[in-house]
Amino acid sequence: MTSSSPTGSSLTSAEIASQPAVWRRAAETLPRQAAALPRRGERVAVVGCGTSWFMAQSYAVLRETGGHGETDAYAASEFPLGRRYDRVLAITRSGTTTEVLDLLHRMKGTAATGAVTADPATPVMRAADAVAVLDFADEESVVQTRFATANLALLRAHLESEGALPAGVRPLDAAIRDAERAVAQPLDTALTGAEQVTFLGTGWTCGLALEAALKMREAAGAWTEAYPAMEYRHGPISITGPGRVAWAFGELPEGLAGDVARVGGALVADSTGTPASLDPLADLVRAQRLAVALAEARGYDPDRPRNLTRSVVLRDSRA
């Protein structure tokens, strides 16, 4: 059975639905954004906060696995200042996040710095050496959806252009086609009626799993968790049961489907490498849609989630 129309009435729903076109545009802008992006062979740290940190994690695995260079990802507040990097790349939608700006200022003169942002009229334009601007991917909604995925689309396109897309990761054009399917497919009632969802990832999709769980908490106040898929048996499986879902991004570890079935849970594993599956980034679009559907079912406004603001600014940032 299925429920939930492909598009909702909220602004967030419209922004989610725009993602295939936004990803395509992100790839088209690559030539003028490249100055801010890592060079082959550089030792790179990618930083962000919240959603941007999770996108940094996914990119770090993609870049290093693809042979483009050693890459680490950090929450901006947890960056190891004593560690040497050739470049620090910051992801910040607002361009005003205090922890990101502080780090970029501290790194001046010690490493090349780049940033990806949605707003060219913010302090990050002066804080970083070079900035990629995805203003067309910006959102009015507080909850990030298309800006986050446009970042990863741009970075995937960059790796693809340099022959550094890891084996098994689809070209961005294929991911865009999958996203068009993800926007249009109705959501199954096993998802919309679930009491709890645990998101699982492997490799670069671990960041996507974390982001999917965050979207559910932000928009709907839902009980969600996220783990590397092989860690699922080491404790998290204890919360799975009837009316609860395990949702896997990327390849499903051997035997995990049987483990979920054994405890009575429902398994969502649309991205297991079969021809009919979705690219994991496109599968994240479905999770975003589920977050909005649950928010609306609970009487929440997904455009203005509780307790959240567009950017966390702890004090006036330096010019």
C-alpha atoms as a PDB file:
ATOM      1  CA  MET A   1       0.000   0.000   0.000  1.00  0.00           C
ATOM      2  CA  THR A   2       1.093   3.572  -0.597  1.00  0.00           C
ATOM      3  CA  SER A   3       0.152   6.929   0.802  1.00  0.00           C
ATOM      4  CA  SER A   4       1.288  10.557   0.688  1.00  0.00           C
ATOM      5  CA  SER A   5       1.117  12.446  -2.587  1.00  0.00           C
ATOM      6  CA  PRO A   6       4.394  13.094  -4.386  1.00  0.00           C
ATOM      7  CA  THR A   7       4.168  16.819  -3.676  1.00  0.00           C
ATOM      8  CA  GLY A   8       2.851  18.585  -0.602  1.00  0.00           C
ATOM      9  CA  SER A   9       1.564  22.085   0.025  1.00  0.00           C
ATOM     10  CA  SER A  10       4.484  23.363   2.099  1.00  0.00           C
ATOM     11  CA  LEU A  11       7.352  25.491   0.872  1.00  0.00           C
ATOM     12  CA  THR A  12       9.715  22.741   1.995  1.00  0.00           C
ATOM     13  CA  SER A  13       7.900  20.267  -0.253  1.00  0.00           C
ATOM     14  CA  ALA A  14       8.382  22.555  -3.238  1.00  0.00           C
ATOM     15  CA  GLU A  15      12.075  22.928  -2.447  1.00  0.00           C
ATOM     16  CA  ILE A  16      12.459  19.158  -2.138  1.00  0.00           C
ATOM     17  CA  ALA A  17      10.745  18.644  -5.496  1.00  0.00           C
ATOM     18  CA  SER A  18      13.099  21.120  -7.190  1.00  0.00           C
ATOM     19  CA  GLN A  19      16.215  19.069  -6.429  1.00  0.00           C
ATOM     20  CA  PRO A  20      16.709  17.263  -9.756  1.00  0.00           C
ATOM     21  CA  ALA A  21      16.834  20.594 -11.592  1.00  0.00           C
ATOM     22  CA  VAL A  22      19.007  22.174  -8.885  1.00  0.00           C
ATOM     23  CA  TRP A  23      21.545  19.312  -9.031  1.00  0.00           C
ATOM     24  CA  ARG A  24      21.775  19.691 -12.792  1.00  0.00           C
ATOM     25  CA  ARG A  25      22.384  23.407 -12.440  1.00  0.00           C
ATOM     26  CA  ALA A  26      25.027  22.807  -9.748  1.00  0.00           C
ATOM     27  CA  ALA A  27      26.951  20.582 -12.143  1.00  0.00           C
ATOM     28  CA  GLU A  28      26.666  23.169 -14.908  1.00  0.00           C
ATOM     29  CA  THR A  29      28.247  25.826 -12.668  1.00  0.00           C
ATOM     30  CA  LEU A  30      31.290  23.662 -11.883  1.00  0.00           C
ATOM     31  CA  PRO A  31      33.761  25.557 -14.145  1.00  0.00           C
ATOM     32  CA  ARG A  32      33.283  28.820 -12.238  1.00  0.00           C
ATOM     33  CA  GLN A  33      33.184  27.141  -8.807  1.00  0.00           C
ATOM     34  CA  ALA A  34      36.336  25.043  -9.139  1.00  0.00           C
ATOM     35  CA  ALA A  35      38.698  27.583  -7.539  1.00  0.00           C
ATOM     36  CA  ALA A  36      37.169  26.877  -4.139  1.00  0.00           C
ATOM     37  CA  LEU A  37      37.350  23.086  -4.467  1.00  0.00           C
ATOM     38  CA  PRO A  38      40.179  20.680  -3.550  1.00  0.00           C
ATOM     39  CA  ARG A  39      42.979  19.961  -5.995  1.00  0.00           C
ATOM     40  CA  ARG A  40      44.017  16.399  -6.746  1.00  0.00           C
ATOM     41  CA  GLY A  41      46.546  15.149  -4.214  1.00  0.00           C
ATOM     42  CA  GLU A  42      45.842  17.784  -1.569  1.00  0.00           C
ATOM     43  CA  ARG A  43      45.333  16.707   2.032  1.00  0.00           C
ATOM     44  CA  VAL A  44      41.915  18.196   2.775  1.00  0.00           C
ATOM     45  CA  ALA A  45      39.666  18.761   5.767  1.00  0.00           C
ATOM     46  CA  VAL A  46      35.985  19.426   5.080  1.00  0.00           C
ATOM     47  CA  VAL A  47      34.011  21.148   7.835  1.00  0.00           C
ATOM     48  CA  GLY A  48      30.475  22.188   8.560  1.00  0.00           C
ATOM     49  CA  CYS A  49      27.771  22.218  11.214  1.00  0.00           C
ATOM     50  CA  GLY A  50      24.641  20.082  11.345  1.00  0.00           C
ATOM     51  CA  THR A  51      23.513  19.077   7.860  1.00  0.00           C
ATOM     52  CA  SER A  52      26.655  20.561   6.306  1.00  0.00           C
ATOM     53  CA  TRP A  53      28.822  18.348   8.522  1.00  0.00           C
ATOM     54  CA  PHE A  54      26.979  15.258   7.306  1.00  0.00           C
ATOM     55  CA  MET A  55      27.480  16.289   3.681  1.00  0.00           C
ATOM     56  CA  ALA A  56      31.157  16.823   4.502  1.00  0.00           C
ATOM     57  CA  GLN A  57      31.355  13.255   5.803  1.00  0.00           C
ATOM     58  CA  SER A  58      29.859  11.827   2.624  1.00  0.00           C
ATOM     59  CA  TYR A  59      32.155  13.866   0.403  1.00  0.00           C
ATOM     60  CA  ALA A  60      35.246  12.971   2.411  1.00  0.00           C
ATOM     61  CA  VAL A  61      34.662   9.267   1.815  1.00  0.00           C
ATOM     62  CA  LEU A  62      33.875   9.778  -1.871  1.00  0.00           C
ATOM     63  CA  ARG A  63      36.998  11.862  -2.464  1.00  0.00           C
ATOM     64  CA  GLU A  64      39.422   9.618  -0.620  1.00  0.00           C
ATOM     65  CA  THR A  65      37.937   6.388  -1.981  1.00  0.00           C
ATOM     66  CA  GLY A  66      38.112   7.811  -5.491  1.00  0.00           C
ATOM     67  CA  GLY A  67      41.834   8.460  -5.135  1.00  0.00           C
ATOM     68  CA  HIS A  68      41.607  12.263  -5.254  1.00  0.00           C
ATOM     69  CA  GLY A  69      43.420  12.731  -1.954  1.00  0.00           C
ATOM     70  CA  GLU A  70      43.364  12.126   1.770  1.00  0.00           C
ATOM     71  CA  THR A  71      40.232  13.724   3.203  1.00  0.00           C
ATOM     72  CA  ASP A  72      38.823  14.141   6.709  1.00  0.00           C
ATOM     73  CA  ALA A  73      35.525  15.633   7.845  1.00  0.00           C
ATOM     74  CA  TYR A  74      34.892  17.505  11.088  1.00  0.00           C
ATOM     75  CA  ALA A  75      32.229  19.465  12.862  1.00  0.00           C
ATOM     76  CA  ALA A  76      33.716  22.959  12.658  1.00  0.00           C
ATOM     77  CA  SER A  77      33.808  23.222  16.453  1.00  0.00           C
ATOM     78  CA  GLU A  78      35.878  20.020  16.702  1.00  0.00           C
ATOM     79  CA  PHE A  79      38.573  20.755  14.134  1.00  0.00           C
ATOM     80  CA  PRO A  80      42.044  19.612  15.334  1.00  0.00           C
ATOM     81  CA  LEU A  81      43.996  22.850  15.039  1.00  0.00           C
ATOM     82  CA  GLY A  82      47.357  21.140  15.408  1.00  0.00           C
ATOM     83  CA  ARG A  83      46.883  18.912  12.381  1.00  0.00           C
ATOM     84  CA  ARG A  84      48.287  19.968   9.017  1.00  0.00           C
ATOM     85  CA  TYR A  85      46.107  20.203   5.913  1.00  0.00           C
ATOM     86  CA  ASP A  86      46.746  21.662   2.486  1.00  0.00           C
ATOM     87  CA  ARG A  87      43.189  22.946   2.268  1.00  0.00           C
ATOM     88  CA  VAL A  88      40.164  23.421   4.492  1.00  0.00           C
ATOM     89  CA  LEU A  89      36.801  23.414   2.719  1.00  0.00           C
ATOM     90  CA  ALA A  90      33.831  24.771   4.660  1.00  0.00           C
ATOM     91  CA  ILE A  91      30.195  24.100   3.806  1.00  0.00           C
ATOM     92  CA  THR A  92      27.821  26.766   5.131  1.00  0.00           C
ATOM     93  CA  ARG A  93      24.430  27.594   3.685  1.00  0.00           C
ATOM     94  CA  SER A  94      24.021  30.887   5.531  1.00  0.00           C
ATOM     95  CA  GLY A  95      27.652  31.994   5.469  1.00  0.00           C
ATOM     96  CA  THR A  96      27.166  33.310   9.009  1.00  0.00           C
ATOM     97  CA  THR A  97      27.684  30.262  11.265  1.00  0.00           C
ATOM     98  CA  THR A  98      29.984  31.307  14.093  1.00  0.00           C
ATOM     99  CA  GLU A  99      32.016  28.092  14.392  1.00  0.00           C
ATOM    100  CA  VAL A 100      32.733  27.998  10.658  1.00  0.00           C
ATOM    101  CA  LEU A 101      33.777  31.649  10.451  1.00  0.00           C
ATOM    102  CA  ASP A 102      35.984  31.348  13.508  1.00  0.00           C
ATOM    103  CA  LEU A 103      37.781  28.355  12.016  1.00  0.00           C
ATOM    104  CA  LEU A 104      38.312  30.001   8.632  1.00  0.00           C
ATOM    105  CA  HIS A 105      39.792  33.066  10.306  1.00  0.00           C
ATOM    106  CA  ARG A 106      42.131  30.894  12.379  1.00  0.00           C
ATOM    107  CA  MET A 107      43.286  28.976   9.301  1.00  0.00           C
ATOM    108  CA  LYS A 108      44.252  32.098   7.346  1.00  0.00           C
ATOM    109  CA  GLY A 109      47.848  31.827   6.250  1.00  0.00           C
ATOM    110  CA  THR A 110      48.254  28.223   7.406  1.00  0.00           C
ATOM    111  CA  ALA A 111      46.258  26.439   4.666  1.00  0.00           C
ATOM    112  CA  ALA A 112      44.274  27.313   1.585  1.00  0.00           C
ATOM    113  CA  THR A 113      40.626  27.819   2.487  1.00  0.00           C
ATOM    114  CA  GLY A 114      37.502  27.405   0.413  1.00  0.00           C
ATOM    115  CA  ALA A 115      33.802  27.505   1.122  1.00  0.00           C
ATOM    116  CA  VAL A 116      30.508  26.587  -0.469  1.00  0.00           C
ATOM    117  CA  THR A 117      27.610  28.860   0.452  1.00  0.00           C
ATOM    118  CA  ALA A 118      24.170  29.945  -0.686  1.00  0.00           C
ATOM    119  CA  ASP A 119      24.501  33.641   0.143  1.00  0.00           C
ATOM    120  CA  PRO A 120      27.176  35.819  -1.500  1.00  0.00           C
ATOM    121  CA  ALA A 121      26.390  38.748   0.809  1.00  0.00           C
ATOM    122  CA  THR A 122      27.652  37.146   4.030  1.00  0.00           C
ATOM    123  CA  PRO A 123      30.939  37.153   5.995  1.00  0.00           C
ATOM    124  CA  VAL A 124      32.138  33.831   4.584  1.00  0.00           C
ATOM    125  CA  MET A 125      32.932  35.625   1.321  1.00  0.00           C
ATOM    126  CA  ARG A 126      35.744  37.439   3.146  1.00  0.00           C
ATOM    127  CA  ALA A 127      36.671  34.651   5.545  1.00  0.00           C
ATOM    128  CA  ALA A 128      37.642  32.105   2.848  1.00  0.00           C
ATOM    129  CA  ASP A 129      40.236  32.433   0.093  1.00  0.00           C
ATOM    130  CA  ALA A 130      37.741  31.283  -2.556  1.00  0.00           C
ATOM    131  CA  VAL A 131      33.998  30.640  -2.402  1.00  0.00           C
ATOM    132  CA  ALA A 132      31.627  28.588  -4.533  1.00  0.00           C
ATOM    133  CA  VAL A 133      28.198  30.207  -4.500  1.00  0.00           C
ATOM    134  CA  LEU A 134      25.083  28.086  -5.032  1.00  0.00           C
ATOM    135  CA  ASP A 135      22.567  30.891  -4.544  1.00  0.00           C
ATOM    136  CA  PHE A 136      20.077  29.164  -6.834  1.00  0.00           C
ATOM    137  CA  ALA A 137      19.944  26.277  -4.334  1.00  0.00           C
ATOM    138  CA  ASP A 138      19.159  28.459  -1.318  1.00  0.00           C
ATOM    139  CA  GLU A 139      15.976  27.806   0.632  1.00  0.00           C
ATOM    140  CA  GLU A 140      13.370  29.899   2.377  1.00  0.00           C
ATOM    141  CA  SER A 141      12.621  27.001   4.689  1.00  0.00           C
ATOM    142  CA  VAL A 142      14.687  26.700   7.883  1.00  0.00           C
ATOM    143  CA  VAL A 143      15.223  22.991   7.250  1.00  0.00           C
ATOM    144  CA  GLN A 144      17.973  22.328   4.698  1.00  0.00           C
ATOM    145  CA  THR A 145      17.120  20.049   1.796  1.00  0.00           C
ATOM    146  CA  ARG A 146      18.187  21.170  -1.673  1.00  0.00           C
ATOM    147  CA  PHE A 147      21.201  23.265  -0.648  1.00  0.00           C
ATOM    148  CA  ALA A 148      22.730  20.291   1.143  1.00  0.00           C
ATOM    149  CA  THR A 149      22.221  17.893  -1.741  1.00  0.00           C
ATOM    150  CA  ALA A 150      23.304  20.509  -4.313  1.00  0.00           C
ATOM    151  CA  ASN A 151      26.610  20.705  -2.432  1.00  0.00           C
ATOM    152  CA  LEU A 152      27.146  16.990  -2.778  1.00  0.00           C
ATOM    153  CA  ALA A 153      26.020  17.106  -6.413  1.00  0.00           C
ATOM    154  CA  LEU A 154      28.619  19.798  -7.143  1.00  0.00           C
ATOM    155  CA  LEU A 155      31.353  17.887  -5.347  1.00  0.00           C
ATOM    156  CA  ARG A 156      30.421  14.631  -7.078  1.00  0.00           C
ATOM    157  CA  ALA A 157      30.481  16.412 -10.430  1.00  0.00           C
ATOM    158  CA  HIS A 158      33.938  17.723  -9.606  1.00  0.00           C
ATOM    159  CA  LEU A 159      35.247  14.257  -8.753  1.00  0.00           C
ATOM    160  CA  GLU A 160      33.616  12.854 -11.881  1.00  0.00           C
ATOM    161  CA  SER A 161      35.226  15.546 -14.053  1.00  0.00           C
ATOM    162  CA  GLU A 162      38.647  14.551 -12.672  1.00  0.00           C
ATOM    163  CA  GLY A 163      38.143  10.822 -13.079  1.00  0.00           C
ATOM    164  CA  ALA A 164      37.957  10.319  -9.314  1.00  0.00           C
ATOM    165  CA  LEU A 165      34.423   9.044  -8.839  1.00  0.00           C
ATOM    166  CA  PRO A 166      34.728   5.788  -6.848  1.00  0.00           C
ATOM    167  CA  ALA A 167      33.799   2.496  -8.487  1.00  0.00           C
ATOM    168  CA  GLY A 168      30.140   1.708  -8.031  1.00  0.00           C
ATOM    169  CA  VAL A 169      29.047   5.345  -7.592  1.00  0.00           C
ATOM    170  CA  ARG A 170      26.775   6.424 -10.398  1.00  0.00           C
ATOM    171  CA  PRO A 171      27.466   9.405 -12.638  1.00  0.00           C
ATOM    172  CA  LEU A 172      25.563  12.479 -11.532  1.00  0.00           C
ATOM    173  CA  ASP A 173      23.274  12.354 -14.575  1.00  0.00           C
ATOM    174  CA  ALA A 174      22.023   8.952 -13.405  1.00  0.00           C
ATOM    175  CA  ALA A 175      21.547  10.265  -9.868  1.00  0.00           C
ATOM    176  CA  ILE A 176      19.481  13.146 -11.244  1.00  0.00           C
ATOM    177  CA  ARG A 177      17.231  10.761 -13.138  1.00  0.00           C
ATOM    178  CA  ASP A 178      16.822   8.743  -9.948  1.00  0.00           C
ATOM    179  CA  ALA A 179      15.942  11.918  -8.045  1.00  0.00           C
ATOM    180  CA  GLU A 180      13.168  12.599 -10.559  1.00  0.00           C
ATOM    181  CA  ARG A 181      11.759   9.184  -9.673  1.00  0.00           C
ATOM    182  CA  ALA A 182      12.209   9.811  -5.946  1.00  0.00           C
ATOM    183  CA  VAL A 183      10.219  13.037  -6.139  1.00  0.00           C
ATOM    184  CA  ALA A 184       7.335  11.354  -7.932  1.00  0.00           C
ATOM    185  CA  GLN A 185       6.993   8.017  -6.123  1.00  0.00           C
ATOM    186  CA  PRO A 186       4.274   7.794  -3.459  1.00  0.00           C
ATOM    187  CA  LEU A 187       5.513   6.938   0.013  1.00  0.00           C
ATOM    188  CA  ASP A 188       4.601   3.521   1.358  1.00  0.00           C
ATOM    189  CA  THR A 189       2.302   3.330   4.381  1.00  0.00           C
ATOM    190  CA  ALA A 190       4.949   1.207   6.100  1.00  0.00           C
ATOM    191  CA  LEU A 191       6.950   4.438   6.273  1.00  0.00           C
ATOM    192  CA  THR A 192       4.245   7.010   6.941  1.00  0.00           C
ATOM    193  CA  GLY A 193       2.774   4.828   9.677  1.00  0.00           C
ATOM    194  CA  ALA A 194       6.056   3.805  11.302  1.00  0.00           C
ATOM    195  CA  GLU A 195       6.581   4.453  14.988  1.00  0.00           C
ATOM    196  CA  GLN A 196      10.369   4.686  14.620  1.00  0.00           C
ATOM    197  CA  VAL A 197      12.986   4.654  11.841  1.00  0.00           C
ATOM    198  CA  THR A 198      16.657   3.678  12.047  1.00  0.00           C
ATOM    199  CA  PHE A 199      18.725   4.860   9.072  1.00  0.00           C
ATOM    200  CA  LEU A 200      21.794   2.855   8.057  1.00  0.00           C
ATOM    201  CA  GLY A 201      24.675   3.616   5.714  1.00  0.00           C
ATOM    202  CA  THR A 202      27.925   2.169   4.422  1.00  0.00           C
ATOM    203  CA  GLY A 203      30.954   4.162   3.281  1.00  0.00           C
ATOM    204  CA  TRP A 204      29.907   7.498   1.823  1.00  0.00           C
ATOM    205  CA  THR A 205      26.246   6.859   2.606  1.00  0.00           C
ATOM    206  CA  CYS A 206      26.822   6.953   6.384  1.00  0.00           C
ATOM    207  CA  GLY A 207      26.606  10.741   6.126  1.00  0.00           C
ATOM    208  CA  LEU A 208      23.337  10.418   4.214  1.00  0.00           C
ATOM    209  CA  ALA A 209      21.901   8.187   6.949  1.00  0.00           C
ATOM    210  CA  LEU A 210      22.810  10.768   9.590  1.00  0.00           C
ATOM    211  CA  GLU A 211      21.237  13.511   7.499  1.00  0.00           C
ATOM    212  CA  ALA A 212      18.021  11.539   6.937  1.00  0.00           C
ATOM    213  CA  ALA A 213      17.644  11.034  10.683  1.00  0.00           C
ATOM    214  CA  LEU A 214      18.271  14.726  11.316  1.00  0.00           C
ATOM    215  CA  LYS A 215      15.593  15.735   8.807  1.00  0.00           C
ATOM    216  CA  MET A 216      13.044  13.539  10.581  1.00  0.00           C
ATOM    217  CA  ARG A 217      13.910  15.054  13.962  1.00  0.00           C
ATOM    218  CA  GLU A 218      14.001  18.638  12.699  1.00  0.00           C
ATOM    219  CA  ALA A 219      10.801  18.660  10.658  1.00  0.00           C
ATOM    220  CA  ALA A 220       8.636  16.162  12.526  1.00  0.00           C
ATOM    221  CA  GLY A 221      10.158  15.726  15.980  1.00  0.00           C
ATOM    222  CA  ALA A 222      10.303  12.020  15.135  1.00  0.00           C
ATOM    223  CA  TRP A 223      12.237   9.303  16.949  1.00  0.00           C
ATOM    224  CA  THR A 224      14.999   8.422  14.522  1.00  0.00           C
ATOM    225  CA  GLU A 225      18.558   7.139  14.810  1.00  0.00           C
ATOM    226  CA  ALA A 226      21.395   6.538  12.359  1.00  0.00           C
ATOM    227  CA  TYR A 227      24.362   4.146  12.325  1.00  0.00           C
ATOM    228  CA  PRO A 228      26.871   2.489  10.008  1.00  0.00           C
ATOM    229  CA  ALA A 229      25.017  -0.572   8.721  1.00  0.00           C
ATOM    230  CA  MET A 230      27.463  -3.092  10.179  1.00  0.00           C
ATOM    231  CA  GLU A 231      26.994  -1.494  13.613  1.00  0.00           C
ATOM    232  CA  TYR A 232      23.266  -2.210  13.515  1.00  0.00           C
ATOM    233  CA  ARG A 233      23.679  -5.644  15.092  1.00  0.00           C
ATOM    234  CA  HIS A 234      25.800  -4.176  17.894  1.00  0.00           C
ATOM    235  CA  GLY A 235      22.904  -2.751  19.866  1.00  0.00           C
ATOM    236  CA  PRO A 236      20.606  -0.672  17.609  1.00  0.00           C
ATOM    237  CA  ILE A 237      18.714  -3.760  16.445  1.00  0.00           C
ATOM    238  CA  SER A 238      17.262  -3.913  19.960  1.00  0.00           C
ATOM    239  CA  ILE A 239      14.801  -1.103  19.179  1.00  0.00           C
ATOM    240  CA  THR A 240      13.556  -2.636  15.933  1.00  0.00           C
ATOM    241  CA  GLY A 241      10.270  -4.526  15.955  1.00  0.00           C
ATOM    242  CA  PRO A 242       6.732  -4.438  14.578  1.00  0.00           C
ATOM    243  CA  GLY A 243       5.786  -0.950  13.429  1.00  0.00           C
ATOM    244  CA  ARG A 244       9.427   0.137  13.231  1.00  0.00           C
ATOM    245  CA  VAL A 245      11.632   0.518  10.160  1.00  0.00           C
ATOM    246  CA  ALA A 246      15.285   0.002   9.256  1.00  0.00           C
ATOM    247  CA  TRP A 247      16.138   2.088   6.163  1.00  0.00           C
ATOM    248  CA  ALA A 248      19.430   1.327   4.438  1.00  0.00           C
ATOM    249  CA  PHE A 249      21.247   3.715   2.086  1.00  0.00           C
ATOM    250  CA  GLY A 250      23.612   1.936  -0.252  1.00  0.00           C
ATOM    251  CA  GLU A 251      24.585  -1.702  -0.303  1.00  0.00           C
ATOM    252  CA  LEU A 252      22.896  -3.877   2.306  1.00  0.00           C
ATOM    253  CA  PRO A 253      25.313  -6.016   4.358  1.00  0.00           C
ATOM    254  CA  GLU A 254      24.867  -9.757   3.980  1.00  0.00           C
ATOM    255  CA  GLY A 255      22.350 -11.204   6.415  1.00  0.00           C
ATOM    256  CA  LEU A 256      20.989  -7.878   7.625  1.00  0.00           C
ATOM    257  CA  ALA A 257      17.629  -8.279   5.874  1.00  0.00           C
ATOM    258  CA  GLY A 258      17.108 -11.568   7.711  1.00  0.00           C
ATOM    259  CA  ASP A 259      18.017  -9.950  11.019  1.00  0.00           C
ATOM    260  CA  VAL A 260      15.438  -7.200  10.541  1.00  0.00           C
ATOM    261  CA  ALA A 261      12.785  -9.734   9.577  1.00  0.00           C
ATOM    262  CA  ARG A 262      13.635 -11.905  12.592  1.00  0.00           C
ATOM    263  CA  VAL A 263      12.790  -9.121  15.041  1.00  0.00           C
ATOM    264  CA  GLY A 264       9.613  -8.141  13.178  1.00  0.00           C
ATOM    265  CA  GLY A 265      10.792  -4.872  11.667  1.00  0.00           C
ATOM    266  CA  ALA A 266      10.216  -3.525   8.169  1.00  0.00           C
ATOM    267  CA  LEU A 267      13.224  -3.048   5.904  1.00  0.00           C
ATOM    268  CA  VAL A 268      13.605  -0.246   3.357  1.00  0.00           C
ATOM    269  CA  ALA A 269      16.567  -0.982   1.112  1.00  0.00           C
ATOM    270  CA  ASP A 270      15.911   0.641  -2.226  1.00  0.00           C
ATOM    271  CA  SER A 271      19.559   1.314  -2.997  1.00  0.00           C
ATOM    272  CA  THR A 272      21.107  -2.139  -2.955  1.00  0.00           C
ATOM    273  CA  GLY A 273      22.803  -1.990  -6.330  1.00  0.00           C
ATOM    274  CA  THR A 274      20.061  -3.599  -8.391  1.00  0.00           C
ATOM    275  CA  PRO A 275      19.111  -1.978 -11.704  1.00  0.00           C
ATOM    276  CA  ALA A 276      15.783  -0.753 -10.315  1.00  0.00           C
ATOM    277  CA  SER A 277      17.263   0.887  -7.220  1.00  0.00           C
ATOM    278  CA  LEU A 278      17.824   4.570  -6.551  1.00  0.00           C
ATOM    279  CA  ASP A 279      21.114   6.348  -6.175  1.00  0.00           C
ATOM    280  CA  PRO A 280      21.583   6.887  -2.412  1.00  0.00           C
ATOM    281  CA  LEU A 281      21.490  10.672  -2.788  1.00  0.00           C
ATOM    282  CA  ALA A 282      18.158  10.327  -4.581  1.00  0.00           C
ATOM    283  CA  ASP A 283      16.978   7.993  -1.824  1.00  0.00           C
ATOM    284  CA  LEU A 284      17.677  10.828   0.636  1.00  0.00           C
ATOM    285  CA  VAL A 285      15.041  12.818  -1.248  1.00  0.00           C
ATOM    286  CA  ARG A 286      12.484  10.198  -0.234  1.00  0.00           C
ATOM    287  CA  ALA A 287      13.552  10.525   3.396  1.00  0.00           C
ATOM    288  CA  GLN A 288      13.141  14.302   3.173  1.00  0.00           C
ATOM    289  CA  ARG A 289       9.646  13.802   1.799  1.00  0.00           C
ATOM    290  CA  LEU A 290       8.827  11.397   4.624  1.00  0.00           C
ATOM    291  CA  ALA A 291       9.948  13.989   7.183  1.00  0.00           C
ATOM    292  CA  VAL A 292       7.555  16.553   5.702  1.00  0.00           C
ATOM    293  CA  ALA A 293       4.698  14.038   5.487  1.00  0.00           C
ATOM    294  CA  LEU A 294       5.106  13.091   9.150  1.00  0.00           C
ATOM    295  CA  ALA A 295       5.348  16.740  10.196  1.00  0.00           C
ATOM    296  CA  GLU A 296       2.114  17.581   8.425  1.00  0.00           C
ATOM    297  CA  ALA A 297       0.371  14.492   9.833  1.00  0.00           C
ATOM    298  CA  ARG A 298       1.317  15.648  13.339  1.00  0.00           C
ATOM    299  CA  GLY A 299       0.086  19.180  12.747  1.00  0.00           C
ATOM    300  CA  TYR A 300       3.557  20.727  12.568  1.00  0.00           C
ATOM    301  CA  ASP A 301       4.694  23.361  10.093  1.00  0.00           C
ATOM    302  CA  PRO A 302       7.695  21.877   8.219  1.00  0.00           C
ATOM    303  CA  ASP A 303       8.679  25.350   6.990  1.00  0.00           C
ATOM    304  CA  ARG A 304       9.079  26.630  10.556  1.00  0.00           C
ATOM    305  CA  PRO A 305      10.229  23.770  12.782  1.00  0.00           C
ATOM    306  CA  ARG A 306      10.255  24.095  16.536  1.00  0.00           C
ATOM    307  CA  ASN A 307      13.362  25.410  18.322  1.00  0.00           C
ATOM    308  CA  LEU A 308      15.363  26.001  15.123  1.00  0.00           C
ATOM    309  CA  THR A 309      16.750  29.014  13.297  1.00  0.00           C
ATOM    310  CA  ARG A 310      18.280  29.276   9.843  1.00  0.00           C
ATOM    311  CA  SER A 311      21.785  29.836  11.222  1.00  0.00           C
ATOM    312  CA  VAL A 312      23.438  29.514  14.626  1.00  0.00           C
ATOM    313  CA  VAL A 313      25.149  32.827  15.305  1.00  0.00           C
ATOM    314  CA  LEU A 314      26.683  32.959  18.771  1.00  0.00           C
ATOM    315  CA  ARG A 315      27.933  36.549  18.495  1.00  0.00           C
ATOM    316  CA  ASP A 316      28.655  39.167  15.861  1.00  0.00           C
ATOM    317  CA  SER A 317      31.047  37.621  13.333  1.00  0.00           C
ATOM    318  CA  ARG A 318      34.237  39.355  12.343  1.00  0.00           C
ATOM    319  CA  ALA A 319      34.202  41.243   9.046  1.00  0.00           C
END
